[in-house]
Every structure is written in C-alpha cells, then in structure tokens.
Protein backbone atom coordinates (compact mmCIF):
# COMPACT_ATOMS: atom_id res chain seq x y z
CA UNK A 1 9.26 -14.42 31.56
CA UNK A 2 8.01 -10.91 32.34
CA UNK A 3 4.28 -10.33 32.63
CA UNK A 4 4.60 -6.84 31.17
CA UNK A 5 6.97 -3.94 30.53
CA UNK A 6 6.24 -0.25 30.37
CA UNK A 7 7.71 1.87 27.59
CA UNK A 8 7.88 5.65 27.82
CA UNK A 9 7.42 7.15 24.37
CA UNK A 10 6.06 10.46 23.09
CA UNK A 11 5.09 11.47 26.61
CA UNK A 12 2.94 8.37 27.03
CA UNK A 13 3.36 5.14 28.98
CA UNK A 14 2.60 2.14 26.77
CA UNK A 15 2.32 -1.24 28.46
CA UNK A 16 3.43 -4.34 26.58
CA UNK A 17 1.90 -7.48 28.01
CA UNK A 18 3.81 -10.74 27.56
CA UNK A 19 6.82 -8.97 26.04
CA UNK A 20 8.76 -12.25 25.70
CA UNK A 21 6.10 -13.93 23.58
CA UNK A 22 7.67 -15.25 20.36
CA UNK A 23 6.20 -13.45 17.37
CA UNK A 24 8.58 -14.60 14.61
CA UNK A 25 9.72 -18.22 14.70
CA UNK A 26 12.64 -18.13 12.29
CA UNK A 27 15.01 -16.33 14.69
CA UNK A 28 12.81 -16.18 17.75
CA UNK A 29 12.06 -12.44 17.86
CA UNK A 30 9.55 -11.41 20.49
CA UNK A 31 6.86 -8.81 20.94
CA UNK A 32 9.42 -6.60 22.70
CA UNK A 33 11.85 -7.06 19.81
CA UNK A 34 9.13 -5.85 17.45
CA UNK A 35 8.47 -2.79 19.63
CA UNK A 36 12.18 -2.00 19.77
CA UNK A 37 12.44 -2.35 15.99
CA UNK A 38 9.73 0.27 15.48
CA UNK A 39 11.44 2.59 17.95
CA UNK A 40 14.67 2.21 15.96
CA UNK A 41 12.95 3.51 12.80
CA UNK A 42 10.73 6.08 14.52
CA UNK A 43 11.83 9.00 12.35
CA UNK A 44 11.51 7.24 8.98
CA UNK A 45 8.20 5.55 9.75
CA UNK A 46 6.60 8.76 10.98
CA UNK A 47 7.92 10.45 7.84
CA UNK A 48 5.87 8.07 5.69
CA UNK A 49 2.82 6.83 7.60
CA UNK A 50 2.57 9.49 10.28
CA UNK A 51 -0.92 11.00 10.72
CA UNK A 52 -2.45 8.46 8.33
CA UNK A 53 -5.28 6.06 9.19
CA UNK A 54 -4.20 2.43 9.41
CA UNK A 55 -5.93 -0.93 9.24
CA UNK A 56 -4.51 -3.44 11.71
CA UNK A 57 -3.58 -7.00 10.74
CA UNK A 58 -3.61 -8.77 14.09
CA UNK A 59 -1.72 -11.94 15.01
CA UNK A 60 -1.99 -12.15 18.81
CA UNK A 61 -0.10 -15.47 18.85
CA UNK A 62 2.59 -14.38 16.42
CA UNK A 63 3.14 -14.76 12.68
CA UNK A 64 2.39 -18.49 12.75
CA UNK A 65 -0.94 -18.07 14.52
CA UNK A 66 -4.47 -17.11 13.58
CA UNK A 67 -5.15 -13.61 12.33
CA UNK A 68 -7.80 -11.11 11.34
CA UNK A 69 -8.06 -7.59 9.93
CA UNK A 70 -9.35 -4.93 12.28
CA UNK A 71 -10.63 -1.69 10.77
CA UNK A 72 -12.33 -0.48 13.93
CA UNK A 73 -10.42 0.19 17.11
CA UNK A 74 -11.70 -1.70 20.18
CA UNK A 75 -14.22 -0.01 22.43
CA UNK A 76 -11.84 0.13 25.40
CA UNK A 77 -8.84 2.28 24.46
CA UNK A 78 -6.63 4.88 26.20
CA UNK A 79 -8.16 8.35 26.27
CA UNK A 80 -5.18 9.70 24.33
CA UNK A 81 -5.65 7.33 21.38
CA UNK A 82 -6.44 9.17 18.15
CA UNK A 83 -8.89 7.74 15.63
CA UNK A 84 -10.56 9.01 12.49
CA UNK A 85 -13.56 8.00 10.42
CA UNK A 86 -12.74 6.04 7.26
CA UNK A 87 -15.07 4.79 4.53
CA UNK A 88 -15.21 1.52 2.61
CA UNK A 89 -16.13 1.34 -1.12
CA UNK A 90 -19.77 0.63 -0.25
CA UNK A 91 -19.99 3.64 2.06
CA UNK A 92 -19.67 1.86 5.43
CA UNK A 93 -17.78 3.96 7.96
CA UNK A 94 -15.61 2.98 10.90
CA UNK A 95 -13.21 4.49 13.42
CA UNK A 96 -9.66 3.63 12.37
CA UNK A 97 -6.47 4.06 14.33
CA UNK A 98 -4.35 7.05 13.30
CA UNK A 99 -0.57 6.58 13.26
CA UNK A 100 -0.28 9.83 15.20
CA UNK A 101 3.02 9.03 16.92
CA UNK A 102 5.11 6.09 18.10
CA UNK A 103 2.92 5.56 21.16
CA UNK A 104 0.08 4.69 18.78
CA UNK A 105 2.32 2.25 16.89
CA UNK A 106 3.39 0.50 20.09
CA UNK A 107 -0.19 0.38 21.35
CA UNK A 108 -1.07 -1.58 18.21
CA UNK A 109 1.99 -3.82 18.60
CA UNK A 110 0.72 -4.78 22.04
CA UNK A 111 -2.53 -5.97 20.41
CA UNK A 112 -0.49 -8.28 18.19
CA UNK A 113 -0.50 -6.06 15.10
CA UNK A 114 1.93 -7.61 12.61
CA UNK A 115 0.98 -5.45 9.68
CA UNK A 116 -0.10 -1.83 9.24
CA UNK A 117 -2.15 -1.29 6.08
CA UNK A 118 -2.13 2.43 5.37
CA UNK A 119 -4.65 4.76 3.75
CA UNK A 120 -3.24 7.15 1.09
CA UNK A 121 -4.81 10.09 2.91
CA UNK A 122 -4.04 12.07 6.05
CA UNK A 123 -6.40 12.11 9.00
CA UNK A 124 -8.06 15.34 10.01
CA UNK A 125 -7.52 17.25 6.78
CA UNK A 126 -10.59 19.40 6.08
CA UNK A 127 -10.44 18.56 2.40
CA UNK A 128 -13.19 16.02 1.73
CA UNK A 129 -15.74 18.70 0.92
CA UNK A 130 -13.39 20.12 -1.70
CA UNK A 131 -13.38 16.90 -3.74
CA UNK A 132 -16.35 16.35 -6.07
CA UNK A 133 -18.40 13.23 -5.55
CA UNK A 134 -18.37 10.60 -8.28
CA UNK A 135 -21.32 8.59 -9.60
CA UNK A 136 -21.26 4.86 -10.23
CA UNK A 137 -22.74 3.23 -13.34
CA UNK A 138 -26.23 3.48 -11.83
CA UNK A 139 -25.91 7.19 -11.15
CA UNK A 140 -25.58 6.71 -7.39
CA UNK A 141 -23.14 8.96 -5.57
CA UNK A 142 -20.02 7.19 -4.31
CA UNK A 143 -18.45 8.09 -0.96
CA UNK A 144 -15.90 10.92 -1.31
CA UNK A 145 -12.28 9.99 -0.80
CA UNK A 146 -10.86 13.29 0.34
CA UNK A 147 -7.47 14.35 -0.94
CA UNK A 148 -5.21 11.41 -1.83
CA UNK A 149 -1.55 12.34 -1.61
CA UNK A 150 0.29 9.17 -2.64
CA UNK A 151 0.53 7.34 -5.96
CA UNK A 152 1.33 3.71 -5.18
CA UNK A 153 2.74 1.57 -7.98
CA UNK A 154 2.67 -2.14 -7.14
CA UNK A 155 4.84 -4.31 -9.37
CA UNK A 156 3.47 -7.83 -9.02
CA UNK A 157 5.30 -10.93 -10.33
CA UNK A 158 3.37 -13.31 -12.57
CA UNK A 159 4.43 -16.99 -12.74
CA UNK A 160 7.90 -17.24 -14.23
CA UNK A 161 8.91 -13.73 -13.16
CA UNK A 162 11.99 -13.41 -10.97
CA UNK A 163 13.23 -10.56 -8.83
CA UNK A 164 15.60 -9.38 -11.55
CA UNK A 165 12.55 -8.93 -13.81
CA UNK A 166 10.91 -6.81 -11.11
CA UNK A 167 14.04 -4.70 -10.77
CA UNK A 168 14.06 -4.05 -14.51
CA UNK A 169 10.36 -3.16 -14.49
CA UNK A 170 10.99 -0.79 -11.58
CA UNK A 171 13.75 0.97 -13.49
CA UNK A 172 11.56 1.30 -16.57
CA UNK A 173 8.77 2.73 -14.44
CA UNK A 174 11.19 5.23 -12.95
CA UNK A 175 12.39 6.19 -16.44
CA UNK A 176 8.83 6.91 -17.59
CA UNK A 177 8.01 8.87 -14.46
CA UNK A 178 11.23 10.86 -14.76
CA UNK A 179 10.29 11.68 -18.37
CA UNK A 180 6.97 12.98 -17.04
CA UNK A 181 8.65 15.00 -14.30
CA UNK A 182 7.46 12.73 -11.47
CA UNK A 183 9.89 11.65 -8.76
CA UNK A 184 9.16 8.07 -7.67
CA UNK A 185 10.89 6.15 -4.91
CA UNK A 186 11.23 2.40 -4.44
CA UNK A 187 10.76 0.06 -1.51
CA UNK A 188 10.82 -3.65 -0.97
CA UNK A 189 7.35 -5.04 -0.36
CA UNK A 190 8.47 -7.44 2.34
CA UNK A 191 6.76 -10.17 0.31
CA UNK A 192 7.26 -10.94 -3.41
CA UNK A 193 6.99 -7.65 -5.28
CA UNK A 194 8.37 -4.14 -5.39
CA UNK A 195 6.53 -0.91 -4.60
CA UNK A 196 7.13 2.51 -6.12
CA UNK A 197 5.63 5.58 -4.46
CA UNK A 198 5.24 9.22 -5.44
CA UNK A 199 4.24 11.77 -2.83
CA UNK A 200 1.60 14.01 -4.42
CA UNK A 201 0.54 17.60 -4.22
CA UNK A 202 -2.75 17.81 -2.24
CA UNK A 203 -4.95 18.41 -5.30
CA UNK A 204 -6.50 15.11 -6.37
CA UNK A 205 -8.96 12.57 -5.02
CA UNK A 206 -8.75 8.79 -5.07
CA UNK A 207 -10.62 8.42 -8.36
CA UNK A 208 -8.16 10.71 -10.11
CA UNK A 209 -5.15 8.98 -8.60
CA UNK A 210 -6.44 5.59 -9.78
CA UNK A 211 -7.01 7.02 -13.28
CA UNK A 212 -3.40 8.19 -13.29
CA UNK A 213 -2.23 4.73 -12.20
CA UNK A 214 -4.22 3.10 -15.01
CA UNK A 215 -2.64 5.47 -17.55
CA UNK A 216 0.83 4.72 -16.19
CA UNK A 217 0.30 0.96 -16.38
CA UNK A 218 -1.01 1.16 -19.95
CA UNK A 219 1.85 3.32 -21.14
CA UNK A 220 4.38 0.96 -19.58
CA UNK A 221 2.72 -1.94 -21.39
CA UNK A 222 2.78 -0.04 -24.69
CA UNK A 223 6.49 0.64 -24.32
CA UNK A 224 7.47 -2.79 -22.96
CA UNK A 225 4.78 -5.23 -24.16
CA UNK A 226 6.96 -8.32 -23.73
CA UNK A 227 7.85 -7.70 -20.10
CA UNK A 228 5.18 -5.46 -18.49
CA UNK A 229 1.39 -5.76 -18.52
CA UNK A 230 -1.63 -3.77 -17.39
CA UNK A 231 -3.95 -6.79 -17.84
CA UNK A 232 -6.26 -7.14 -14.84
CA UNK A 233 -7.22 -10.73 -15.67
CA UNK A 234 -4.50 -13.24 -14.79
CA UNK A 235 -5.14 -15.34 -17.89
CA UNK A 236 -4.03 -12.39 -20.05
CA UNK A 237 -0.83 -11.49 -18.21
CA UNK A 238 1.50 -14.26 -19.34
CA UNK A 239 5.00 -14.21 -17.87
CA UNK A 240 5.15 -10.44 -17.41
CA UNK A 241 5.29 -8.01 -14.51
CA UNK A 242 1.80 -6.78 -13.67
CA UNK A 243 1.39 -3.11 -12.72
CA UNK A 244 -1.47 -3.36 -10.22
CA UNK A 245 -3.24 -0.04 -10.77
CA UNK A 246 -6.10 -1.04 -8.47
CA UNK A 247 -3.86 -0.65 -5.44
CA UNK A 248 -4.85 2.99 -5.98
CA UNK A 249 -8.59 2.34 -5.95
CA UNK A 250 -10.35 4.79 -3.59
CA UNK A 251 -10.47 3.72 0.07
CA UNK A 252 -7.80 1.07 -0.62
CA UNK A 253 -5.05 0.43 1.93
CA UNK A 254 -1.55 -0.77 1.10
CA UNK A 255 1.05 -2.34 3.36
CA UNK A 256 3.03 0.47 4.93
CA UNK A 257 6.64 1.53 4.49
CA UNK A 258 8.93 0.40 7.34
CA UNK A 259 6.20 -1.99 8.52
CA UNK A 260 6.92 -5.60 9.46
CA UNK A 261 5.19 -8.38 7.57
CA UNK A 262 3.40 -11.19 9.42
CA UNK A 263 5.96 -13.73 8.26
CA UNK A 264 8.18 -15.96 10.39
CA UNK A 265 11.26 -14.15 9.05
CA UNK A 266 9.93 -10.72 10.13
CA UNK A 267 10.53 -9.13 6.71
CA UNK A 268 10.24 -5.34 6.54
CA UNK A 269 8.79 -3.33 3.66
CA UNK A 270 11.84 -1.10 3.36
CA UNK A 271 12.38 2.14 1.39
CA UNK A 272 15.74 1.96 -0.37
CA UNK A 273 17.82 4.15 -2.66
CA UNK A 274 17.69 3.41 -6.37
CA UNK A 275 21.45 2.93 -6.35
CA UNK A 276 21.20 -0.21 -4.20
CA UNK A 277 18.21 -1.82 -5.91
CA UNK A 278 20.41 -4.46 -7.56
CA UNK A 279 21.86 -5.62 -4.24
CA UNK A 280 18.73 -5.84 -2.09
CA UNK A 281 16.12 -8.60 -1.82
CA UNK A 282 12.86 -8.80 0.10
CA UNK A 283 13.95 -11.61 2.39
CA UNK A 284 17.13 -9.96 3.68
CA UNK A 285 15.38 -6.82 4.93
CA UNK A 286 14.13 -7.86 8.37
CA UNK A 287 13.82 -6.47 11.88
CA UNK A 288 17.23 -8.04 12.50
CA UNK A 289 18.94 -6.11 9.67
CA UNK A 290 16.97 -2.93 8.93
CA UNK A 291 17.98 -0.90 12.04
CA UNK A 292 21.66 -1.20 11.09
CA UNK A 293 20.75 -0.52 7.45
CA UNK A 294 19.05 2.73 8.41
CA UNK A 295 21.96 3.72 10.63
CA UNK A 296 24.30 3.28 7.65
CA UNK A 297 22.15 4.48 4.74
CA UNK A 298 19.62 6.80 6.35
CA UNK A 299 16.02 7.29 5.27
CA UNK A 300 15.86 6.92 1.48
CA UNK A 301 12.56 8.83 1.37
CA UNK A 302 13.45 11.67 3.73
CA UNK A 303 13.77 14.26 0.96
CA UNK A 304 10.59 13.48 -0.98
CA UNK A 305 8.65 16.51 -2.17
CA UNK A 306 5.05 16.53 -3.49
CA UNK A 307 4.70 15.76 -7.19
CA UNK A 308 2.15 16.70 -9.86
CA UNK A 309 -0.22 14.12 -11.34
CA UNK A 310 -1.10 16.39 -14.27
CA UNK A 311 1.06 14.57 -16.87
CA UNK A 312 -0.50 11.19 -16.06
CA UNK A 313 -4.02 12.62 -16.00
CA UNK A 314 -3.43 14.15 -19.44
CA UNK A 315 -2.33 10.70 -20.61
CA UNK A 316 -5.51 9.22 -19.10
CA UNK A 317 -7.68 11.76 -20.95
CA UNK A 318 -5.98 10.90 -24.24
CA UNK A 319 -6.55 7.18 -23.69
CA UNK A 320 -10.25 7.70 -23.01
CA UNK A 321 -10.61 10.10 -25.94
CA UNK A 322 -9.11 7.44 -28.22
CA UNK A 323 -11.89 5.05 -27.29
CA UNK A 324 -10.29 3.03 -24.49
CA UNK A 325 -12.63 1.97 -21.72
CA UNK A 326 -11.73 2.32 -18.08
CA UNK A 327 -9.76 -0.61 -16.66
CA UNK A 328 -11.68 -3.19 -14.59
CA UNK A 329 -12.34 -2.39 -10.94
CA UNK A 330 -12.02 -4.86 -8.04
CA UNK A 331 -15.18 -6.91 -7.38
CA UNK A 332 -16.06 -5.17 -4.09
CA UNK A 333 -16.54 -1.83 -5.87
CA UNK A 334 -19.78 -0.71 -7.52
CA UNK A 335 -19.94 -0.97 -11.28
CA UNK A 336 -18.28 2.18 -12.61
CA UNK A 337 -19.06 4.32 -15.67
CA UNK A 338 -17.15 3.37 -18.82
CA UNK A 339 -15.97 0.14 -17.18
CA UNK A 340 -15.76 -3.03 -19.33
CA UNK A 341 -17.81 -6.09 -18.32
CA UNK A 342 -16.57 -7.73 -15.14
CA UNK A 343 -16.21 -11.17 -16.59
CA UNK A 344 -13.14 -13.27 -17.28
CA UNK A 345 -12.28 -12.85 -21.00
CA UNK A 346 -12.25 -16.59 -21.74
CA UNK A 347 -15.65 -16.98 -20.09
CA UNK A 348 -17.02 -14.01 -22.03
CA UNK A 349 -15.88 -15.61 -25.29
CA UNK A 350 -17.70 -18.84 -24.40
CA UNK A 351 -20.86 -16.99 -23.46
CA UNK A 352 -20.78 -15.08 -26.76
CA UNK A 353 -20.23 -18.23 -28.83
CA UNK A 354 -23.31 -20.43 -28.44
CA UNK A 355 -21.83 -23.02 -30.76
CA UNK A 356 -18.81 -23.65 -28.56
CA UNK A 357 -18.91 -26.84 -26.49
C-alpha cells in the first residue's frame, strides 16, 4: 500500500495520502479511484460548479465511516488555495473553499470529501452591493445573498412514489418551464430524487429566486393536483411528488452536479439529456460507469445559456396579489414577512380547537 501519490493538475502538485484506502465498500473503490473519477469529468464539473463556493461533506474513513460538514477550510492550507466569505441565514460568515480548478477538487478529496454541496452563486463577483437587502418579519435586515444564478428544482419522492412518478413530474416541470420560455436541464440526484436546473441571467438575488421556485411549485400543483404538491408539511403531501422550493432559500447549498455521493455504491449526481431520462436510474450512475457515459454522451449541460426568471416572478406577484401568503421557510431562517405560522397544520387545528381532546 502506497503512503502517498502526487498528482500534477492545473499547474499544481496535489498529494493524496493513503491513496489505496477503501472509500466505497460495494466495489472497493479507493481514494485514488475517486480522484481519477473527478479528473475524468474535469471539463463537465468545472462547467457547472467551477468558481462556486462549496461546503465539504467529509468522510475520512470512507462512505461507511463517521462524517461531518465543514463550511470553513482548515487553518493550514496551501498558499494557492482559494477561499471566499459565505454567509449563513443568521448572518454568520465563514471562509469556504472555492471550486476554482481541479487542484482544489483533489485537495478536498484528500481530506476525505465525499460530497460537494454547492452555493448558487459565484465567488468573487462584485455584485452583492447591487442586490437590495431584505427585512425579516421583525424589520431586521437579512444578510444579502449577492446574485444567484441558478434555479434548482428538487423533485422529492413522498412515500408510495416511484422513480417513474419522478420522471413524469420532471417532464411536466419541463413542459411548464418551456411554456414560460425557461430552459431547464435534468440530473440524477445520486440519491432518491431528480434535480432540474436552470442557469439564470445575473439579475436576481436569492430571495427572488426562492419566490420564483415557490410560484413554480404552486403552478405545478394547480395543474397536476393528484401527482405533484407544493405542500411544505409532510402530512399534507400524500402520495405525490414534492417540489422542494426551499432548496432555493438564500444561502442554501445543494449537492453538486457530477459530484459523488457518500454512499457505498459511489453514486454520482449526473446531468443527463432529456431523451435518456426513461432509461437512467440513480443507482446505475456511479464512478464506475459515469466516465464511459460521458465519453459516449458528452456533457448534457455544456450548451446551457442564462435564462430569465421574469415569467416566474410575474406568476409570484399574481399569487401574492390574489391573497396567497408566502410559503413556509425552513426552521433555521428568521420569520419572514407574509409567512404563514410555522406550525404543523394538524397541531394548529388542535391548538385552535379547545374542545378537542
């Protein structure tokens, strides 16, 4: 077993310690296998997550071992490593790794990173000052998000929902977006769901992008009430595909395209063409299969061009003007203006009915 290997990439020398350490038990792939996988998809992964801040999900003993999320890079890092300041919903800041090039990716792999969770913003863009600050329900200013240039549509299976149901929901989402003039692309999640992404023109902040996602989810539910839901509370979803609009909440990271999940099968969250959606599953897209897939099919997202959110924001304005409240926010966010009570509907009914029980 080698103590270390040195990889020359992007003009840097990246050292992998313990390259033969097993990271994925199902087929026995190692740390070096993971590094070589990322090198095999260097062009596509830089096309999607390049120059974006990333949160590291670290598994130093492999996918079956203990793990933690690391927002801040360690104190001792190479002098060439690029970081950027990111902000959490409560305003806490930290220095996050930037996926500046493949040397940065491999540096993280050496730390045992088995999951890159990616911000929907680019590092270093002098755009934060151009985005207006938003107030919470108490009138306190929330941290600015900067320009957010991806709409991320997470199709989440409820109990009883199979992958064919997700495929159908994905197609219906594409149909609506096409009607609105928005080009969306699909990828496997590497887990249970499907993800649809739209690259955006650099005009909107995270609050606006989330508002657009809420409007999209609600319109999908209106058109397909038996199969798709925008209900945040699980008890209201039934056996329907949930469109998780809060994956677009400001300062929220999402598992990155072309990134390897911390699962023993080394599943990859893989961008695919719409034409092959019916023939692809999450479990078959792994570090053992994706390099050959890319060699045969190419990068399904290579030709993306920035899209306009204006049609979805107009839909959001109409919903609010009709009397709809904002959709619920995740619990770690401050209470937002026009947000409904953050209480489970069944619990709220009990609290409002003193005669019950």
